[in-house]
C-alpha atoms as a PDB file:
ATOM      1  CA  MET A   1      14.701  -2.197  14.672  1.00  0.00           C
ATOM      2  CA  ASP A   2      15.833  -5.646  14.609  1.00  0.00           C
ATOM      3  CA  ASN A   3      11.959  -7.427  14.133  1.00  0.00           C
ATOM      4  CA  ILE A   4      11.303  -4.449  11.733  1.00  0.00           C
ATOM      5  CA  ILE A   5      14.535  -5.362   9.392  1.00  0.00           C
ATOM      6  CA  SER A   6      13.500  -9.111   9.972  1.00  0.00           C
ATOM      7  CA  GLN A   7       9.831  -8.499   9.024  1.00  0.00           C
ATOM      8  CA  MET A   8      11.082  -6.420   5.574  1.00  0.00           C
ATOM      9  CA  VAL A   9      13.726  -9.367   4.673  1.00  0.00           C
ATOM     10  CA  ILE A  10      11.082 -12.041   5.264  1.00  0.00           C
ATOM     11  CA  LEU A  11       8.435 -10.329   2.610  1.00  0.00           C
ATOM     12  CA  LEU A  12      11.111  -9.701   0.369  1.00  0.00           C
ATOM     13  CA  LEU A  13      11.998 -13.483   0.363  1.00  0.00           C
ATOM     14  CA  LEU A  14       8.293 -14.259  -0.817  1.00  0.00           C
ATOM     15  CA  VAL A  15       9.257 -11.911  -3.799  1.00  0.00           C
ATOM     16  CA  VAL A  16      12.102 -14.108  -4.529  1.00  0.00           C
ATOM     17  CA  VAL A  17       9.497 -17.511  -4.359  1.00  0.00           C
ATOM     18  CA  GLY A  18       7.599 -15.925  -6.838  1.00  0.00           C
ATOM     19  CA  CYS A  19      10.502 -14.938  -9.375  1.00  0.00           C
ATOM     20  CA  ILE A  20      11.439 -18.820  -8.696  1.00  0.00           C
ATOM     21  CA  ALA A  21       7.987 -19.929  -9.249  1.00  0.00           C
ATOM     22  CA  ASN A  22       7.934 -17.855 -12.597  1.00  0.00           C
ATOM     23  CA  LYS A  23      11.485 -19.754 -13.869  1.00  0.00           C
ATOM     24  CA  CYS A  24      10.045 -22.731 -13.065  1.00  0.00           C
ATOM     25  CA  GLY A  25       6.999 -22.245 -14.853  1.00  0.00           C
ATOM     26  CA  LEU A  26       4.581 -22.227 -11.871  1.00  0.00           C
ATOM     27  CA  MET A  27       3.643 -18.548 -12.041  1.00  0.00           C
ATOM     28  CA  GLY A  28       3.177 -16.411 -15.445  1.00  0.00           C
ATOM     29  CA  GLY A  29       0.927 -15.291 -17.526  1.00  0.00           C
ATOM     30  CA  GLU A  30      -2.345 -15.792 -17.226  1.00  0.00           C
ATOM     31  CA  PHE A  31      -1.920 -17.594 -14.133  1.00  0.00           C
ATOM     32  CA  ASP A  32      -0.754 -14.087 -12.446  1.00  0.00           C
ATOM     33  CA  ARG A  33      -3.527 -12.232 -13.999  1.00  0.00           C
ATOM     34  CA  LYS A  34      -6.082 -14.367 -12.112  1.00  0.00           C
ATOM     35  CA  LEU A  35      -4.238 -14.348  -8.951  1.00  0.00           C
ATOM     36  CA  SER A  36      -4.003 -10.400  -8.729  1.00  0.00           C
ATOM     37  CA  ASN A  37      -7.610 -10.170  -9.816  1.00  0.00           C
ATOM     38  CA  PHE A  38      -8.403 -13.083  -6.804  1.00  0.00           C
ATOM     39  CA  VAL A  39      -6.110 -10.597  -4.691  1.00  0.00           C
ATOM     40  CA  ILE A  40      -8.009  -7.457  -5.653  1.00  0.00           C
ATOM     41  CA  ASN A  41     -11.033  -8.831  -5.346  1.00  0.00           C
ATOM     42  CA  VAL A  42     -11.775 -11.326  -2.689  1.00  0.00           C
ATOM     43  CA  SER A  43      -8.836 -11.694  -0.464  1.00  0.00           C
ATOM     44  CA  CYS A  44      -7.823  -7.805  -0.024  1.00  0.00           C
ATOM     45  CA  PRO A  45     -11.040  -7.047   0.720  1.00  0.00           C
ATOM     46  CA  CYS A  46     -11.727  -9.859   3.378  1.00  0.00           C
ATOM     47  CA  LEU A  47      -8.087  -8.505   5.073  1.00  0.00           C
ATOM     48  CA  ILE A  48      -9.957  -4.919   5.502  1.00  0.00           C
ATOM     49  CA  VAL A  49     -12.747  -6.615   7.123  1.00  0.00           C
ATOM     50  CA  ALA A  50     -10.346  -9.188   9.223  1.00  0.00           C
ATOM     51  CA  SER A  51      -8.751  -5.696  10.282  1.00  0.00           C
ATOM     52  CA  VAL A  52     -11.732  -4.973  12.799  1.00  0.00           C
ATOM     53  CA  MET A  53     -12.090  -8.058  14.087  1.00  0.00           C
ATOM     54  CA  GLY A  54      -9.076  -8.754  16.256  1.00  0.00           C
ATOM     55  CA  ASP A  55      -8.776  -9.622  19.841  1.00  0.00           C
ATOM     56  CA  GLU A  56      -8.957  -6.185  21.095  1.00  0.00           C
ATOM     57  CA  PHE A  57     -11.808  -3.808  20.064  1.00  0.00           C
ATOM     58  CA  PRO A  58     -10.691   0.163  19.525  1.00  0.00           C
ATOM     59  CA  ASP A  59     -12.248   3.240  20.847  1.00  0.00           C
ATOM     60  CA  SER A  60     -14.955   4.060  18.354  1.00  0.00           C
ATOM     61  CA  GLY A  61     -14.286   7.950  19.127  1.00  0.00           C
ATOM     62  CA  MET A  62     -10.932   7.826  17.117  1.00  0.00           C
ATOM     63  CA  ILE A  63     -12.625   6.442  13.755  1.00  0.00           C
ATOM     64  CA  LEU A  64     -13.018  10.270  13.202  1.00  0.00           C
ATOM     65  CA  PRO A  65      -9.602  11.722  14.133  1.00  0.00           C
ATOM     66  CA  LEU A  66      -7.911   8.319  12.350  1.00  0.00           C
ATOM     67  CA  LEU A  67     -10.235   8.800   8.959  1.00  0.00           C
ATOM     68  CA  GLY A  68      -9.420  12.791   9.394  1.00  0.00           C
ATOM     69  CA  VAL A  69      -5.761  12.572   9.390  1.00  0.00           C
ATOM     70  CA  GLY A  70      -5.973   9.858   6.936  1.00  0.00           C
ATOM     71  CA  PHE A  71      -8.167  12.021   3.977  1.00  0.00           C
ATOM     72  CA  ALA A  72      -5.794  14.759   4.940  1.00  0.00           C
ATOM     73  CA  THR A  73      -2.644  12.918   4.211  1.00  0.00           C
ATOM     74  CA  TYR A  74      -3.721  11.736   1.041  1.00  0.00           C
ATOM     75  CA  VAL A  75      -5.323  14.816  -0.521  1.00  0.00           C
ATOM     76  CA  VAL A  76      -1.738  16.315   0.225  1.00  0.00           C
ATOM     77  CA  LEU A  77      -0.250  13.093  -1.615  1.00  0.00           C
ATOM     78  CA  PHE A  78      -2.339  13.798  -4.697  1.00  0.00           C
ATOM     79  CA  GLY A  79      -1.414  17.321  -5.036  1.00  0.00           C
ATOM     80  CA  VAL A  80       2.307  15.880  -4.587  1.00  0.00           C
ATOM     81  CA  SER A  81       2.282  12.920  -6.666  1.00  0.00           C
ATOM     82  CA  TRP A  82       0.447  14.780  -9.802  1.00  0.00           C
ATOM     83  CA  LEU A  83       2.985  17.514  -9.839  1.00  0.00           C
ATOM     84  CA  LEU A  84       6.176  16.489  -9.027  1.00  0.00           C
ATOM     85  CA  PRO A  85       6.775  13.624 -11.696  1.00  0.00           C
ATOM     86  CA  ARG A  86       6.418  16.613 -14.533  1.00  0.00           C
ATOM     87  CA  TYR A  87       9.897  17.692 -13.264  1.00  0.00           C
ATOM     88  CA  PHE A  88      11.857  14.537 -13.373  1.00  0.00           C
ATOM     89  CA  VAL A  89       9.877  12.256 -15.972  1.00  0.00           C
ATOM     90  CA  LYS A  90      10.605  12.495 -19.654  1.00  0.00           C
ATOM     91  CA  ARG A  91       8.477  10.331 -20.948  1.00  0.00           C
ATOM     92  CA  LYS A  92       4.846  12.033 -20.740  1.00  0.00           C
ATOM     93  CA  GLU A  93       3.243   8.582 -21.019  1.00  0.00           C
ATOM     94  CA  VAL A  94       4.318   7.303 -17.969  1.00  0.00           C
ATOM     95  CA  ARG A  95       4.375  10.137 -15.845  1.00  0.00           C
ATOM     96  CA  GLY A  96       0.805   8.158 -14.406  1.00  0.00           C
ATOM     97  CA  MET A  97       2.723   5.388 -13.328  1.00  0.00           C
ATOM     98  CA  TYR A  98       5.134   7.555 -11.015  1.00  0.00           C
ATOM     99  CA  SER A  99       2.096   9.471  -9.939  1.00  0.00           C
ATOM    100  CA  PHE A 100       0.795   6.167  -8.756  1.00  0.00           C
ATOM    101  CA  MET A 101       3.876   5.173  -7.435  1.00  0.00           C
ATOM    102  CA  LEU A 102       4.409   8.659  -5.387  1.00  0.00           C
ATOM    103  CA  MET A 103       0.783   8.401  -4.352  1.00  0.00           C
ATOM    104  CA  PHE A 104       0.100   4.644  -2.884  1.00  0.00           C
ATOM    105  CA  ALA A 105       2.269   3.060  -0.589  1.00  0.00           C
ATOM    106  CA  ASN A 106       1.773  -0.404   0.253  1.00  0.00           C
ATOM    107  CA  VAL A 107       0.155  -0.382   3.346  1.00  0.00           C
ATOM    108  CA  GLY A 108      -2.242  -3.214   3.133  1.00  0.00           C
ATOM    109  CA  PHE A 109       0.255  -5.906   2.221  1.00  0.00           C
ATOM    110  CA  ILE A 110       3.356  -4.671   4.232  1.00  0.00           C
ATOM    111  CA  GLY A 111       2.070  -1.764   6.437  1.00  0.00           C
ATOM    112  CA  TYR A 112       0.091  -3.686   8.584  1.00  0.00           C
ATOM    113  CA  PRO A 113       2.789  -5.797   9.854  1.00  0.00           C
ATOM    114  CA  VAL A 114       5.650  -3.539   9.932  1.00  0.00           C
ATOM    115  CA  VAL A 115       3.377  -1.267  11.923  1.00  0.00           C
ATOM    116  CA  SER A 116       2.257  -3.804  14.364  1.00  0.00           C
ATOM    117  CA  ALA A 117       6.248  -4.754  14.717  1.00  0.00           C
ATOM    118  CA  ILE A 118       6.838  -1.315  15.454  1.00  0.00           C
ATOM    119  CA  PHE A 119       3.674  -0.035  17.668  1.00  0.00           C
ATOM    120  CA  GLY A 120       2.540  -3.391  19.041  1.00  0.00           C
ATOM    121  CA  PRO A 121      -1.242  -5.445  17.833  1.00  0.00           C
ATOM    122  CA  LYS A 122      -3.499  -2.511  19.025  1.00  0.00           C
ATOM    123  CA  SER A 123      -2.030  -0.195  16.288  1.00  0.00           C
ATOM    124  CA  VAL A 124      -3.374  -2.586  13.526  1.00  0.00           C
ATOM    125  CA  PHE A 125      -7.018  -1.345  13.552  1.00  0.00           C
ATOM    126  CA  TYR A 126      -5.786   2.407  13.698  1.00  0.00           C
ATOM    127  CA  ALA A 127      -3.468   1.864  10.445  1.00  0.00           C
ATOM    128  CA  SER A 128      -6.475   0.187   8.950  1.00  0.00           C
ATOM    129  CA  LEU A 129      -8.852   3.133   9.567  1.00  0.00           C
ATOM    130  CA  LEU A 130      -6.062   5.263   8.318  1.00  0.00           C
ATOM    131  CA  ASN A 131      -5.434   3.272   5.508  1.00  0.00           C
ATOM    132  CA  MET A 132      -9.418   3.511   4.420  1.00  0.00           C
ATOM    133  CA  PRO A 133      -8.630   6.568   2.414  1.00  0.00           C
ATOM    134  CA  ASN A 134      -5.938   4.447   0.786  1.00  0.00           C
ATOM    135  CA  THR A 135      -8.886   2.157  -0.230  1.00  0.00           C
ATOM    136  CA  LEU A 136     -10.919   4.835  -1.663  1.00  0.00           C
ATOM    137  CA  PHE A 137      -8.294   6.869  -3.262  1.00  0.00           C
ATOM    138  CA  ILE A 138      -6.695   3.656  -5.065  1.00  0.00           C
ATOM    139  CA  PHE A 139      -9.571   2.735  -6.652  1.00  0.00           C
ATOM    140  CA  MET A 140     -10.437   6.041  -7.972  1.00  0.00           C
ATOM    141  CA  VAL A 141      -7.468   7.991  -8.642  1.00  0.00           C
ATOM    142  CA  GLY A 142      -5.192   5.157  -8.703  1.00  0.00           C
ATOM    143  CA  THR A 143      -6.871   3.287 -11.789  1.00  0.00           C
ATOM    144  CA  VAL A 144      -6.730   6.795 -13.590  1.00  0.00           C
ATOM    145  CA  PHE A 145      -2.969   7.416 -12.983  1.00  0.00           C
ATOM    146  CA  VAL A 146      -2.656   3.397 -14.371  1.00  0.00           C
ATOM    147  CA  LEU A 147      -4.377   4.359 -17.597  1.00  0.00           C
ATOM    148  CA  GLY A 148      -2.601   7.321 -18.708  1.00  0.00           C
ATOM    149  CA  LYS A 149      -4.973  10.078 -17.558  1.00  0.00           C
ATOM    150  CA  THR A 150      -3.024  12.597 -15.884  1.00  0.00           C
ATOM    151  CA  GLY A 151      -4.753  15.581 -16.529  1.00  0.00           C
ATOM    152  CA  ARG A 152      -8.063  16.277 -15.705  1.00  0.00           C
ATOM    153  CA  PRO A 153      -9.242  13.231 -13.474  1.00  0.00           C
ATOM    154  CA  HIS A 154     -12.455  11.286 -14.801  1.00  0.00           C
ATOM    155  CA  PHE A 155     -14.064   9.224 -12.009  1.00  0.00           C
ATOM    156  CA  ASN A 156     -15.879   5.770 -12.199  1.00  0.00           C
ATOM    157  CA  TRP A 157     -17.999   6.525  -9.353  1.00  0.00           C
ATOM    158  CA  HIS A 158     -19.010   2.619  -9.772  1.00  0.00           C
ATOM    159  CA  LEU A 159     -15.691   2.138  -8.041  1.00  0.00           C
ATOM    160  CA  LEU A 160     -17.364   3.137  -4.987  1.00  0.00           C
ATOM    161  CA  TYR A 161     -19.097  -0.271  -4.886  1.00  0.00           C
ATOM    162  CA  CYS A 162     -15.991  -2.399  -5.971  1.00  0.00           C
ATOM    163  CA  PRO A 163     -15.242  -5.226  -3.224  1.00  0.00           C
ATOM    164  CA  ALA A 164     -12.605  -3.456  -1.225  1.00  0.00           C
ATOM    165  CA  MET A 165     -14.967  -0.387  -1.125  1.00  0.00           C
ATOM    166  CA  ILE A 166     -17.651  -2.191   0.137  1.00  0.00           C
ATOM    167  CA  ALA A 167     -14.922  -3.988   3.031  1.00  0.00           C
ATOM    168  CA  SER A 168     -13.940  -0.773   4.115  1.00  0.00           C
ATOM    169  CA  TYR A 169     -17.851   0.256   4.897  1.00  0.00           C
ATOM    170  CA  ILE A 170     -18.525  -3.052   6.385  1.00  0.00           C
ATOM    171  CA  ALA A 171     -15.676  -2.266   8.948  1.00  0.00           C
ATOM    172  CA  ILE A 172     -16.432   1.263   9.415  1.00  0.00           C
ATOM    173  CA  THR A 173     -19.911  -0.117  10.573  1.00  0.00           C
ATOM    174  CA  ILE A 174     -18.565  -2.876  12.902  1.00  0.00           C
ATOM    175  CA  VAL A 175     -16.592   0.072  14.792  1.00  0.00           C
ATOM    176  CA  ALA A 176     -19.491   2.013  15.084  1.00  0.00           C
ATOM    177  CA  ILE A 177     -22.104  -0.118  16.301  1.00  0.00           C
ATOM    178  CA  GLY A 178     -19.242  -1.508  18.394  1.00  0.00           C
ATOM    179  CA  TRP A 179     -19.897  -5.004  17.611  1.00  0.00           C
ATOM    180  CA  ASP A 180     -16.758  -6.445  19.497  1.00  0.00           C
ATOM    181  CA  THR A 181     -17.903  -9.923  19.678  1.00  0.00           C
ATOM    182  CA  VAL A 182     -18.159 -11.210  15.893  1.00  0.00           C
ATOM    183  CA  PRO A 183     -18.108 -15.093  16.394  1.00  0.00           C
ATOM    184  CA  SER A 184     -15.238 -16.997  14.983  1.00  0.00           C
ATOM    185  CA  VAL A 185     -17.708 -18.696  12.324  1.00  0.00           C
ATOM    186  CA  VAL A 186     -17.774 -15.332  10.974  1.00  0.00           C
ATOM    187  CA  SER A 187     -14.278 -13.772  11.546  1.00  0.00           C
ATOM    188  CA  GLU A 188     -11.960 -16.696  10.985  1.00  0.00           C
ATOM    189  CA  PRO A 189     -13.051 -17.179   7.267  1.00  0.00           C
ATOM    190  CA  PHE A 190     -12.279 -12.998   6.927  1.00  0.00           C
ATOM    191  CA  ARG A 191      -8.970 -13.754   8.338  1.00  0.00           C
ATOM    192  CA  LEU A 192      -7.927 -16.915   6.098  1.00  0.00           C
ATOM    193  CA  LEU A 193      -8.748 -15.665   3.388  1.00  0.00           C
ATOM    194  CA  GLY A 194      -7.516 -12.045   4.012  1.00  0.00           C
ATOM    195  CA  ASN A 195      -3.855 -14.096   4.815  1.00  0.00           C
ATOM    196  CA  ILE A 196      -3.797 -14.658   1.202  1.00  0.00           C
ATOM    197  CA  THR A 197      -3.250 -10.917   0.263  1.00  0.00           C
ATOM    198  CA  VAL A 198       0.274 -10.494   1.196  1.00  0.00           C
ATOM    199  CA  PRO A 199       2.047 -13.873  -0.271  1.00  0.00           C
ATOM    200  CA  GLY A 200      -0.306 -13.448  -3.304  1.00  0.00           C
ATOM    201  CA  ALA A 201       0.678 -10.165  -3.944  1.00  0.00           C
ATOM    202  CA  LEU A 202       4.337 -10.391  -3.534  1.00  0.00           C
ATOM    203  CA  LEU A 203       4.291 -13.732  -5.706  1.00  0.00           C
ATOM    204  CA  VAL A 204       2.900 -11.434  -8.310  1.00  0.00           C
ATOM    205  CA  ILE A 205       5.743  -8.952  -7.874  1.00  0.00           C
ATOM    206  CA  GLY A 206       8.118 -11.629  -7.869  1.00  0.00           C
ATOM    207  CA  SER A 207       6.639 -13.592 -11.050  1.00  0.00           C
ATOM    208  CA  SER A 208       6.931 -10.207 -12.979  1.00  0.00           C
ATOM    209  CA  MET A 209      10.103  -9.255 -11.852  1.00  0.00           C
ATOM    210  CA  ALA A 210      11.419 -12.425 -13.426  1.00  0.00           C
ATOM    211  CA  SER A 211      10.352 -12.034 -16.741  1.00  0.00           C
ATOM    212  CA  MET A 212      12.268  -8.825 -17.019  1.00  0.00           C
ATOM    213  CA  GLY A 213      15.702  -8.351 -18.253  1.00  0.00           C
ATOM    214  CA  LYS A 214      18.835  -7.471 -15.888  1.00  0.00           C
ATOM    215  CA  HIS A 215      18.647  -3.989 -17.465  1.00  0.00           C
ATOM    216  CA  HIS A 216      15.300  -3.346 -16.569  1.00  0.00           C
ATOM    217  CA  ILE A 217      15.476  -4.875 -13.124  1.00  0.00           C
ATOM    218  CA  LEU A 218      17.904  -2.525 -12.215  1.00  0.00           C
ATOM    219  CA  GLY A 219      15.301   0.693 -13.211  1.00  0.00           C
ATOM    220  CA  ARG A 220      15.647   4.053 -15.068  1.00  0.00           C
ATOM    221  CA  PRO A 221      17.717   7.378 -13.273  1.00  0.00           C
ATOM    222  CA  SER A 222      13.728   8.392 -13.004  1.00  0.00           C
ATOM    223  CA  ILE A 223      12.795   5.368 -10.442  1.00  0.00           C
ATOM    224  CA  TYR A 224      15.655   6.676  -7.740  1.00  0.00           C
ATOM    225  CA  VAL A 225      14.249   9.899  -7.523  1.00  0.00           C
ATOM    226  CA  MET A 226      11.011   8.154  -7.327  1.00  0.00           C
ATOM    227  CA  ALA A 227      12.391   5.819  -4.612  1.00  0.00           C
ATOM    228  CA  VAL A 228      13.929   8.961  -2.386  1.00  0.00           C
ATOM    229  CA  LEU A 229      10.657  10.846  -2.827  1.00  0.00           C
ATOM    230  CA  ARG A 230       8.570   7.896  -1.723  1.00  0.00           C
ATOM    231  CA  LEU A 231      10.873   6.775   0.965  1.00  0.00           C
ATOM    232  CA  ALA A 232      12.140   9.653   2.438  1.00  0.00           C
ATOM    233  CA  VAL A 233      11.609  13.201   1.567  1.00  0.00           C
ATOM    234  CA  ILE A 234       7.556  12.625   1.273  1.00  0.00           C
ATOM    235  CA  PRO A 235       6.974  11.135   4.552  1.00  0.00           C
ATOM    236  CA  ALA A 236       9.057  13.115   6.943  1.00  0.00           C
ATOM    237  CA  ALA A 237       7.708  16.448   4.887  1.00  0.00           C
ATOM    238  CA  LEU A 238       4.130  14.682   6.155  1.00  0.00           C
ATOM    239  CA  PHE A 239       5.712  14.011   9.764  1.00  0.00           C
ATOM    240  CA  PHE A 240       6.707  17.381  10.089  1.00  0.00           C
ATOM    241  CA  LEU A 241       3.574  18.974   8.762  1.00  0.00           C
ATOM    242  CA  PHE A 242       1.253  17.236  11.180  1.00  0.00           C
ATOM    243  CA  TYR A 243       3.454  17.525  14.209  1.00  0.00           C
ATOM    244  CA  LEU A 244       3.296  21.120  13.720  1.00  0.00           C
ATOM    245  CA  LEU A 245      -0.312  21.017  13.661  1.00  0.00           C
ATOM    246  CA  GLY A 246      -0.381  19.666  16.969  1.00  0.00           C
ATOM    247  CA  ILE A 247      -1.462  15.946  15.713  1.00  0.00           C
ATOM    248  CA  ASP A 248      -1.017  13.443  18.321  1.00  0.00           C
ATOM    249  CA  ASN A 249       2.443  11.900  18.442  1.00  0.00           C
ATOM    250  CA  THR A 250       1.474   7.983  18.116  1.00  0.00           C
ATOM    251  CA  LEU A 251      -1.148   8.776  15.164  1.00  0.00           C
ATOM    252  CA  ASN A 252       1.241  10.790  13.378  1.00  0.00           C
ATOM    253  CA  GLU A 253       4.301   8.557  13.715  1.00  0.00           C
ATOM    254  CA  ILE A 254       1.960   5.352  12.808  1.00  0.00           C
ATOM    255  CA  ASN A 255       0.444   7.887   9.624  1.00  0.00           C
ATOM    256  CA  THR A 256       4.146   8.389   8.793  1.00  0.00           C
ATOM    257  CA  VAL A 257       5.305   4.696   8.394  1.00  0.00           C
ATOM    258  CA  LEU A 258       2.168   4.441   6.625  1.00  0.00           C
ATOM    259  CA  THR A 259       3.479   6.733   3.761  1.00  0.00           C
ATOM    260  CA  ALA A 260       6.653   5.633   4.035  1.00  0.00           C
ATOM    261  CA  MET A 261       5.857   2.131   2.693  1.00  0.00           C
ATOM    262  CA  PRO A 262       7.016   1.049  -0.524  1.00  0.00           C
ATOM    263  CA  VAL A 263       4.801   1.270  -3.731  1.00  0.00           C
ATOM    264  CA  ALA A 264       1.778  -0.616  -3.660  1.00  0.00           C
ATOM    265  CA  SER A 265       1.250  -3.717  -5.239  1.00  0.00           C
ATOM    266  CA  TYR A 266      -1.609  -2.646  -6.755  1.00  0.00           C
ATOM    267  CA  GLY A 267       0.162  -0.896  -9.195  1.00  0.00           C
ATOM    268  CA  THR A 268       1.527  -4.030 -10.799  1.00  0.00           C
ATOM    269  CA  MET A 269      -1.837  -5.765 -10.839  1.00  0.00           C
ATOM    270  CA  PHE A 270      -3.734  -2.810 -12.461  1.00  0.00           C
ATOM    271  CA  CYS A 271      -1.028  -2.563 -14.856  1.00  0.00           C
ATOM    272  CA  LEU A 272      -1.767  -6.282 -15.704  1.00  0.00           C
ATOM    273  CA  LYS A 273      -5.976  -6.050 -15.352  1.00  0.00           C
ATOM    274  CA  TYR A 274      -6.063  -3.180 -17.659  1.00  0.00           C
ATOM    275  CA  GLY A 275      -3.062  -4.228 -20.225  1.00  0.00           C
ATOM    276  CA  ARG A 276      -0.232  -1.507 -19.480  1.00  0.00           C
ATOM    277  CA  ASP A 277       3.366  -2.150 -19.424  1.00  0.00           C
ATOM    278  CA  GLU A 278       4.560  -3.303 -16.020  1.00  0.00           C
ATOM    279  CA  THR A 279       7.938  -2.508 -16.126  1.00  0.00           C
ATOM    280  CA  ASP A 280       8.682   1.003 -14.540  1.00  0.00           C
ATOM    281  CA  MET A 281       5.392  -0.111 -12.222  1.00  0.00           C
ATOM    282  CA  VAL A 282       7.722  -3.231 -11.263  1.00  0.00           C
ATOM    283  CA  GLN A 283      10.605  -1.878 -11.033  1.00  0.00           C
ATOM    284  CA  GLY A 284       9.615   0.944  -9.153  1.00  0.00           C
ATOM    285  CA  THR A 285       7.942  -1.964  -6.634  1.00  0.00           C
ATOM    286  CA  LEU A 286      11.094  -4.057  -6.547  1.00  0.00           C
ATOM    287  CA  ILE A 287      13.767  -0.982  -5.734  1.00  0.00           C
ATOM    288  CA  THR A 288      11.134   0.753  -3.035  1.00  0.00           C
ATOM    289  CA  THR A 289      10.592  -2.769  -1.683  1.00  0.00           C
ATOM    290  CA  LEU A 290      14.307  -3.411  -1.055  1.00  0.00           C
ATOM    291  CA  LEU A 291      15.569  -0.095  -0.311  1.00  0.00           C
ATOM    292  CA  SER A 292      12.922  -0.112   2.715  1.00  0.00           C
ATOM    293  CA  VAL A 293      14.430  -2.312   4.385  1.00  0.00           C
ATOM    294  CA  ILE A 294      16.841   0.361   5.407  1.00  0.00           C
ATOM    295  CA  THR A 295      14.614   3.773   4.852  1.00  0.00           C
ATOM    296  CA  ILE A 296      12.185   2.694   7.242  1.00  0.00           C
ATOM    297  CA  PRO A 297      14.049   1.663  10.380  1.00  0.00           C
ATOM    298  CA  LEU A 298      15.902   5.237   9.799  1.00  0.00           C
ATOM    299  CA  LEU A 299      12.698   7.190   9.392  1.00  0.00           C
ATOM    300  CA  THR A 300      11.732   5.849  13.004  1.00  0.00           C
ATOM    301  CA  LEU A 301      14.737   7.584  14.184  1.00  0.00           C
ATOM    302  CA  LEU A 302      12.858  10.755  13.776  1.00  0.00           C
ATOM    303  CA  PHE A 303      10.194  10.039  16.326  1.00  0.00           C
ATOM    304  CA  HIS A 304      13.230   9.892  19.045  1.00  0.00           C
ATOM    305  CA  TYR A 305      14.515  13.727  18.268  1.00  0.00           C
ATOM    306  CA  VAL A 306      11.803  15.198  18.002  1.00  0.00           C
END
């Protein structure tokens, strides 16, 4: 548990650095927008591909079960996140933001290192497979939510060919064909570029936070309702659902931890990219990241009592 807490504190310190950098005039405005686009279109896709180029190659027979659990998880999350904000968010124009925050966790940025700390390095690839539906939905449903279209979704099918999705297809192909000896001259550039994702995303969050007043940082009551649902209620409910369905314990535990991550950093970057007010999104990301230092270790206690 100490390793988990240490990991979360380290990531929070990166947010603080982003905040300080903004106050010193090193970040903000156009720089943040460009860095956000770089993370979305370059470094995160590289991180996805690099996740299947590790020292230990996974069993290709796990691809379909992992993808099945991943897709089932996000089907449930979509229904829950679309419905619940109607009952605790009064401002209709931001309900889509709350739907995004409930549905999408910070899996790619924070989930991988936390899962590795809890379950060991072998679990990272399983996490990447469970995360592939996240990548699909976040660029399809997620952009719809951020743009405020919380009624009937109108998907932009061209998003199936965005950089993150192409990276997902490449990762699946590498595992499916069993290419377990990717030359370092190929894998190392992907790994190095992918490593930019975590600090880049968290620096942008910190920089956005720095331009907000103290009142805004504290957040509205609806933010805290969302945080309790995002970090505790929904992950625990999914854990017991898959437990009752007889899903493998390790797979279920990894999926639960991924679901319990803070709000996805992509939300803030999508707001900047599409010109939406990012106040609620930054508040939700910041508060859930702070609270997750406590909730993630507590949630793992479930695994020892069930």
